[in-house]
Amino acid sequence: MSSDPFLRRHPDRREFLTMGIGVFVALSLPRALRRHTSLVKRTVPLMGTIAEVQVAHADERFAEDAIDAAIAELQWVERTMTRFRSDSDIGRANLGAGRDGVRVTPETAFVIAAALRASSVSDGRFDPAVGAASELWDVLNRHEPPADNRVHRLAARGFWRKVDVAETPGSPRVRFDDPDLHLDLGAIAKGYGVDRATDALRARGVRHAIVTVGGDLFALGQSPEGEPWTVGIRSPHNRHALAATLRVTDRAVATSGDYERFFLWHGMRYHHLIDPATAAPRLTPFHSATVLASRCIDADAASTAVFGLPHDAALVIAQRIDASAEVIPLT
């Protein structure tokens, strides 16, 4: 189920140059800003995908310093919450939380708690604890599905109900009640990272910016005349075309889709979005779902939870996560 899980390695230079910035394209700087500012951009490989920070400001050195701070926040979230490092909070939890519990940072406890709330309101369609199924399918390295019996033993287990996080100040702990439970925050931690990066920009006085990490984005601010940012969503069928165009101001956008990470087997596409009910890639006629929300942590979780649902059903779940949410399903 996890959306864009953190990878074992970053893309190499050749991949970095050909991947672009992922799902979103910032099409234009608001017209009122163009006359007075520069748009300073930086693109880096992070969290198993591509991160881009764009800051509109008259002082380029100021913008560069702010971008440094934003990227540092993203890097901290990656180090702390990836499941691919044994010394990260999630790596240590997956190794030891089934016994006596593991201490984690307050920030990780916050993200886990937010993930469990999303699980509850989505009736388990979002489950941050199906990491074992994500590891089993490993769609970037597999060329055929795993054995049915290995998949079935992980299906419909409700793993999220077996995670306990104590958000006590100073030393929160995480405990698991099932030995098959592995946390994977890839469907929510990138959104949290985007929120932290955006907060870092705000704290330094930036008023106009876009932070993008793969399928997660926050558009900060608007022009003095009130013009929003224009953002294009790449087509699921043609990465050089756009499926939709959004005009957004102080709004998070997240897209989950089956077309970025997958393998083909006998004509069937097996993608990375795992359905907790089957412990296999979710079967659906929809190729992506885009959610707009107030915070990227919520948009990220919601886009994964609603992936595969028709619009009305998706909207119900998304608005349980964030009452202001909007949904754009793409076939």
Protein backbone atom coordinates (compact mmCIF):
# COMPACT_ATOMS: atom_id res chain seq x y z
CA MET A 1 0.00 0.00 0.00
CA SER A 2 2.86 2.34 0.63
CA SER A 3 3.16 5.27 -1.74
CA ASP A 4 6.64 5.80 -3.16
CA PRO A 5 8.55 3.93 -0.42
CA PHE A 6 12.04 5.14 0.42
CA LEU A 7 14.48 3.16 -1.72
CA ARG A 8 17.67 1.39 -0.74
CA ARG A 9 19.72 3.78 -2.86
CA HIS A 10 19.40 7.15 -4.52
CA PRO A 11 19.14 7.35 -8.32
CA ASP A 12 22.54 7.55 -9.97
CA ARG A 13 23.52 10.60 -12.05
CA ARG A 14 22.13 9.19 -15.30
CA GLU A 15 18.80 8.33 -13.71
CA PHE A 16 18.73 11.69 -11.96
CA LEU A 17 19.04 13.53 -15.28
CA THR A 18 16.33 11.52 -17.01
CA MET A 19 13.71 11.18 -14.27
CA GLY A 20 12.73 14.85 -14.21
CA ILE A 21 11.05 16.02 -11.01
CA GLY A 22 8.44 13.31 -10.80
CA VAL A 23 4.68 13.70 -10.90
CA PHE A 24 4.36 17.49 -10.84
CA VAL A 25 5.48 20.32 -13.11
CA ALA A 26 5.47 23.94 -11.89
CA LEU A 27 4.33 25.59 -15.09
CA SER A 28 4.83 29.25 -14.31
CA LEU A 29 5.78 31.86 -11.79
CA PRO A 30 2.78 34.02 -10.88
CA ARG A 31 2.74 36.93 -13.32
CA ALA A 32 2.92 39.64 -10.65
CA LEU A 33 6.09 38.09 -9.22
CA ARG A 34 7.99 37.76 -12.50
CA ARG A 35 8.77 41.45 -12.76
CA HIS A 36 10.29 41.74 -9.30
CA THR A 37 11.92 38.44 -8.37
CA SER A 38 14.11 35.60 -9.47
CA LEU A 39 12.97 31.99 -9.25
CA VAL A 40 15.79 30.04 -7.61
CA LYS A 41 15.55 26.24 -8.01
CA ARG A 42 17.47 23.30 -6.66
CA THR A 43 16.83 19.65 -7.54
CA VAL A 44 18.35 16.79 -5.55
CA PRO A 45 17.83 13.01 -5.20
CA LEU A 46 16.09 12.36 -1.88
CA MET A 47 13.82 9.74 -0.34
CA GLY A 48 14.17 7.41 -3.30
CA THR A 49 12.84 10.02 -5.71
CA ILE A 50 13.54 13.58 -6.84
CA ALA A 51 13.08 16.61 -4.59
CA GLU A 52 12.87 20.14 -5.91
CA VAL A 53 12.66 23.40 -3.97
CA GLN A 54 11.77 26.60 -5.84
CA VAL A 55 11.89 29.96 -4.10
CA ALA A 56 10.79 33.25 -5.63
CA HIS A 57 12.70 36.17 -4.08
CA ALA A 58 14.51 39.32 -5.11
CA ASP A 59 17.70 38.25 -3.27
CA GLU A 60 19.15 35.07 -4.80
CA ARG A 61 21.60 34.52 -1.92
CA PHE A 62 18.71 34.74 0.54
CA ALA A 63 16.78 32.20 -1.54
CA GLU A 64 19.75 29.81 -1.67
CA ASP A 65 20.16 29.93 2.11
CA ALA A 66 16.46 29.24 2.59
CA ILE A 67 16.67 26.30 0.19
CA ASP A 68 19.62 24.93 2.19
CA ALA A 69 17.40 24.93 5.29
CA ALA A 70 14.49 23.27 3.49
CA ILE A 71 16.64 20.49 2.06
CA ALA A 72 18.23 19.90 5.47
CA GLU A 73 14.76 19.22 6.87
CA LEU A 74 14.02 16.71 4.10
CA GLN A 75 17.35 14.97 4.68
CA TRP A 76 16.65 14.74 8.41
CA VAL A 77 13.27 13.11 7.80
CA GLU A 78 14.85 10.64 5.38
CA ARG A 79 17.60 9.65 7.84
CA THR A 80 15.16 9.33 10.71
CA MET A 81 12.16 7.59 9.12
CA THR A 82 13.44 5.40 6.30
CA ARG A 83 12.93 1.65 6.73
CA PHE A 84 16.12 0.93 4.77
CA ARG A 85 18.56 1.95 7.53
CA SER A 86 18.95 -0.18 10.62
CA ASP A 87 19.91 2.89 12.67
CA SER A 88 16.84 4.98 11.73
CA ASP A 89 13.86 5.13 14.07
CA ILE A 90 11.87 2.86 11.75
CA GLY A 91 14.80 0.52 11.15
CA ARG A 92 15.31 0.11 14.90
CA ALA A 93 11.57 -0.34 15.48
CA ASN A 94 11.34 -3.04 12.83
CA LEU A 95 14.23 -4.86 14.49
CA GLY A 96 13.17 -4.51 18.10
CA ALA A 97 9.72 -3.07 18.73
CA GLY A 98 8.15 -6.53 18.87
CA ARG A 99 10.00 -7.28 22.10
CA ASP A 100 10.22 -4.47 24.62
CA GLY A 101 9.39 -1.50 22.44
CA VAL A 102 11.82 1.01 20.95
CA ARG A 103 12.34 4.65 21.77
CA VAL A 104 11.86 6.98 18.82
CA THR A 105 12.02 10.72 18.31
CA PRO A 106 8.89 12.76 19.09
CA GLU A 107 8.69 13.59 15.38
CA THR A 108 8.58 9.92 14.38
CA ALA A 109 5.97 9.24 17.06
CA PHE A 110 3.92 12.10 15.64
CA VAL A 111 4.07 10.69 12.09
CA ILE A 112 3.23 7.15 13.24
CA ALA A 113 0.27 8.48 15.23
CA ALA A 114 -0.93 10.44 12.19
CA ALA A 115 -0.59 7.30 10.06
CA LEU A 116 -2.63 5.25 12.53
CA ARG A 117 -5.37 7.90 12.54
CA ALA A 118 -5.46 7.72 8.73
CA SER A 119 -5.71 3.93 9.01
CA SER A 120 -8.63 4.18 11.39
CA VAL A 121 -10.69 6.66 9.35
CA SER A 122 -10.00 4.81 6.09
CA ASP A 123 -11.06 1.45 7.56
CA GLY A 124 -7.54 0.11 7.02
CA ARG A 125 -7.17 1.07 3.34
CA PHE A 126 -4.14 3.01 4.56
CA ASP A 127 -1.84 0.83 6.63
CA PRO A 128 1.68 1.99 7.54
CA ALA A 129 2.50 -1.47 8.93
CA VAL A 130 2.40 -3.56 5.73
CA GLY A 131 6.13 -3.16 5.19
CA ALA A 132 6.57 -6.95 5.02
CA ALA A 133 4.29 -7.05 1.96
CA SER A 134 6.15 -4.14 0.35
CA GLU A 135 9.42 -5.97 0.96
CA LEU A 136 7.98 -9.18 -0.48
CA TRP A 137 6.81 -7.55 -3.71
CA ASP A 138 9.92 -5.31 -4.07
CA VAL A 139 8.63 -4.13 -7.45
CA LEU A 140 11.82 -2.39 -8.57
CA ASN A 141 13.82 -5.59 -8.37
CA ARG A 142 11.28 -8.36 -9.03
CA HIS A 143 10.38 -9.66 -12.47
CA GLU A 144 7.55 -11.98 -11.43
CA PRO A 145 5.07 -12.13 -8.54
CA PRO A 146 6.06 -13.88 -5.30
CA ALA A 147 4.52 -17.23 -4.39
CA ASP A 148 0.81 -17.03 -3.55
CA ASN A 149 1.22 -18.65 -0.14
CA ARG A 150 3.76 -15.99 0.91
CA VAL A 151 1.36 -13.24 -0.15
CA HIS A 152 -1.77 -14.76 1.41
CA ARG A 153 -0.22 -15.10 4.86
CA LEU A 154 0.16 -11.29 4.98
CA ALA A 155 -3.31 -10.45 3.65
CA ALA A 156 -6.08 -8.82 5.72
CA ARG A 157 -4.03 -8.90 8.90
CA GLY A 158 -4.96 -5.39 10.09
CA PHE A 159 -1.36 -4.76 11.07
CA TRP A 160 -2.03 -1.12 11.91
CA ARG A 161 -4.16 -2.23 14.86
CA LYS A 162 -1.11 -3.97 16.33
CA VAL A 163 1.08 -0.88 16.55
CA ASP A 164 1.20 1.04 19.81
CA VAL A 165 2.87 4.43 19.98
CA ALA A 166 3.13 6.27 23.28
CA GLU A 167 3.47 9.98 22.51
CA THR A 168 4.85 10.76 25.97
CA PRO A 169 6.95 13.93 26.02
CA GLY A 170 10.67 13.33 25.82
CA SER A 171 10.83 9.59 25.22
CA PRO A 172 8.01 8.14 23.12
CA ARG A 173 8.13 4.41 22.46
CA VAL A 174 6.78 2.17 19.72
CA ARG A 175 5.68 -1.43 20.31
CA PHE A 176 4.44 -4.12 17.93
CA ASP A 177 2.09 -7.00 18.78
CA ASP A 178 2.80 -9.12 15.69
CA PRO A 179 6.16 -10.56 14.55
CA ASP A 180 5.15 -10.12 10.88
CA LEU A 181 4.59 -6.39 11.34
CA HIS A 182 7.04 -4.03 9.65
CA LEU A 183 6.52 -0.28 9.59
CA ASP A 184 6.84 1.53 6.27
CA LEU A 185 6.18 5.28 6.44
CA GLY A 186 6.85 5.85 2.75
CA ALA A 187 3.21 6.85 2.18
CA ILE A 188 3.22 9.63 4.76
CA ALA A 189 6.76 10.63 5.77
CA LYS A 190 7.51 12.39 2.48
CA GLY A 191 4.44 14.54 3.00
CA TYR A 192 5.63 15.29 6.52
CA GLY A 193 9.04 16.18 5.11
CA VAL A 194 7.47 18.58 2.62
CA ASP A 195 5.60 20.24 5.50
CA ARG A 196 8.81 20.60 7.52
CA ALA A 197 10.68 22.00 4.52
CA THR A 198 7.88 24.49 3.90
CA ASP A 199 7.91 25.53 7.56
CA ALA A 200 11.67 26.11 7.29
CA LEU A 201 11.09 28.44 4.36
CA ARG A 202 8.36 30.31 6.21
CA ALA A 203 10.60 30.68 9.27
CA ARG A 204 13.18 32.44 7.10
CA GLY A 205 10.67 34.86 5.68
CA VAL A 206 10.01 33.16 2.33
CA ARG A 207 6.52 33.97 1.08
CA HIS A 208 6.49 32.39 -2.39
CA ALA A 209 7.82 28.87 -3.00
CA ILE A 210 7.07 25.35 -4.13
CA VAL A 211 8.46 22.23 -2.43
CA THR A 212 8.12 18.98 -4.38
CA VAL A 213 9.23 15.47 -3.41
CA GLY A 214 8.14 12.92 -6.00
CA GLY A 215 4.35 12.86 -5.80
CA ASP A 216 4.08 15.34 -2.92
CA LEU A 217 3.98 19.12 -3.22
CA PHE A 218 3.24 22.25 -1.24
CA ALA A 219 2.61 25.58 -2.98
CA LEU A 220 3.50 28.38 -0.58
CA GLY A 221 2.00 31.82 -0.96
CA GLN A 222 0.65 33.80 -3.85
CA SER A 223 1.46 36.98 -5.72
CA PRO A 224 0.44 40.35 -4.22
CA GLU A 225 -2.41 40.45 -6.77
CA GLY A 226 -3.58 37.04 -5.55
CA GLU A 227 -2.44 34.89 -8.46
CA PRO A 228 -1.86 31.26 -7.48
CA TRP A 229 0.86 28.92 -8.63
CA THR A 230 0.02 26.86 -11.72
CA VAL A 231 0.95 23.18 -11.29
CA GLY A 232 0.62 20.44 -13.90
CA ILE A 233 0.02 16.77 -13.02
CA ARG A 234 1.87 14.44 -15.37
CA SER A 235 -0.27 12.02 -17.35
CA PRO A 236 -0.28 8.37 -16.18
CA HIS A 237 -0.01 7.37 -19.83
CA ASN A 238 2.59 9.81 -21.18
CA ARG A 239 5.18 11.39 -18.90
CA HIS A 240 5.66 14.17 -21.45
CA ALA A 241 1.98 15.17 -21.28
CA LEU A 242 -0.23 16.65 -18.55
CA ALA A 243 -3.39 15.01 -17.24
CA ALA A 244 -4.60 18.06 -15.30
CA THR A 245 -3.60 21.58 -14.35
CA LEU A 246 -4.17 23.07 -10.89
CA ARG A 247 -4.00 26.62 -9.59
CA VAL A 248 -3.00 26.44 -5.92
CA THR A 249 -2.09 28.80 -3.10
CA ASP A 250 -0.98 27.66 0.37
CA ARG A 251 -2.16 24.17 -0.48
CA ALA A 252 -0.70 20.68 -0.42
CA VAL A 253 -1.08 18.30 -3.35
CA ALA A 254 -0.22 14.58 -3.39
CA THR A 255 -0.57 12.01 -6.15
CA SER A 256 -0.38 8.23 -5.84
CA GLY A 257 -0.16 6.25 -9.07
CA ASP A 258 0.68 2.85 -10.50
CA TYR A 259 2.87 4.12 -13.33
CA GLU A 260 6.13 5.15 -11.65
CA ARG A 261 7.21 1.93 -9.91
CA PHE A 262 6.10 -1.42 -11.28
CA PHE A 263 7.05 -4.54 -13.22
CA LEU A 264 5.12 -6.34 -15.96
CA TRP A 265 4.33 -10.06 -15.83
CA HIS A 266 2.22 -11.78 -18.48
CA GLY A 267 0.73 -8.45 -19.47
CA MET A 268 -0.23 -7.49 -15.90
CA ARG A 269 1.25 -4.44 -14.19
CA TYR A 270 2.34 -5.07 -10.60
CA HIS A 271 2.92 -1.72 -8.92
CA HIS A 272 4.11 -0.58 -5.50
CA LEU A 273 0.73 0.46 -4.03
CA ILE A 274 -0.08 -2.50 -1.81
CA ASP A 275 -3.67 -3.27 -0.82
CA PRO A 276 -3.66 -4.34 2.86
CA ALA A 277 -6.67 -6.57 2.21
CA THR A 278 -4.78 -8.72 -0.29
CA ALA A 279 -1.12 -7.93 0.51
CA ALA A 280 -0.72 -7.44 -3.25
CA PRO A 281 -0.76 -4.46 -5.61
CA ARG A 282 -4.24 -2.93 -5.60
CA LEU A 283 -6.31 -3.96 -8.63
CA THR A 284 -8.15 -0.95 -10.06
CA PRO A 285 -9.07 0.69 -13.36
CA PHE A 286 -7.73 3.98 -12.01
CA HIS A 287 -4.08 4.79 -12.62
CA SER A 288 -3.68 7.60 -10.10
CA ALA A 289 -5.40 9.68 -7.46
CA THR A 290 -4.57 13.26 -6.54
CA VAL A 291 -5.59 14.83 -3.23
CA LEU A 292 -5.42 18.49 -2.24
CA ALA A 293 -5.29 19.24 1.47
CA SER A 294 -4.14 21.80 4.01
CA ARG A 295 -1.03 19.81 4.96
CA CYS A 296 1.09 17.54 2.84
CA ILE A 297 1.21 14.84 5.53
CA ASP A 298 -2.57 14.49 5.15
CA ALA A 299 -2.61 14.77 1.35
CA ASP A 300 0.08 12.07 1.15
CA ALA A 301 -1.77 9.58 3.36
CA ALA A 302 -5.12 10.34 1.75
CA SER A 303 -3.88 9.86 -1.82
CA THR A 304 -2.69 6.37 -0.90
CA ALA A 305 -5.86 5.52 1.02
CA VAL A 306 -8.19 6.53 -1.82
CA PHE A 307 -6.15 5.16 -4.71
CA GLY A 308 -8.42 2.89 -6.74
CA LEU A 309 -11.73 4.35 -5.55
CA PRO A 310 -14.25 6.29 -7.67
CA HIS A 311 -14.45 9.99 -6.90
CA ASP A 312 -17.37 10.07 -4.45
CA ALA A 313 -16.08 7.23 -2.29
CA ALA A 314 -12.57 8.65 -2.41
CA LEU A 315 -13.79 12.07 -1.31
CA VAL A 316 -15.53 10.63 1.75
CA ILE A 317 -12.31 9.02 2.99
CA ALA A 318 -10.08 11.96 2.07
CA GLN A 319 -12.32 14.36 4.00
CA ARG A 320 -12.16 12.13 7.06
CA ILE A 321 -8.41 12.73 6.99
CA ASP A 322 -8.70 16.45 6.18
CA ALA A 323 -12.12 18.09 6.06
CA SER A 324 -10.90 20.51 3.37
CA ALA A 325 -9.63 17.76 1.04
CA GLU A 326 -10.39 17.63 -2.67
CA VAL A 327 -9.88 14.57 -4.89
CA ILE A 328 -8.94 14.28 -8.57
CA PRO A 329 -9.03 10.64 -9.81
CA LEU A 330 -7.24 10.00 -13.13
CA THR A 331 -8.02 6.96 -15.26
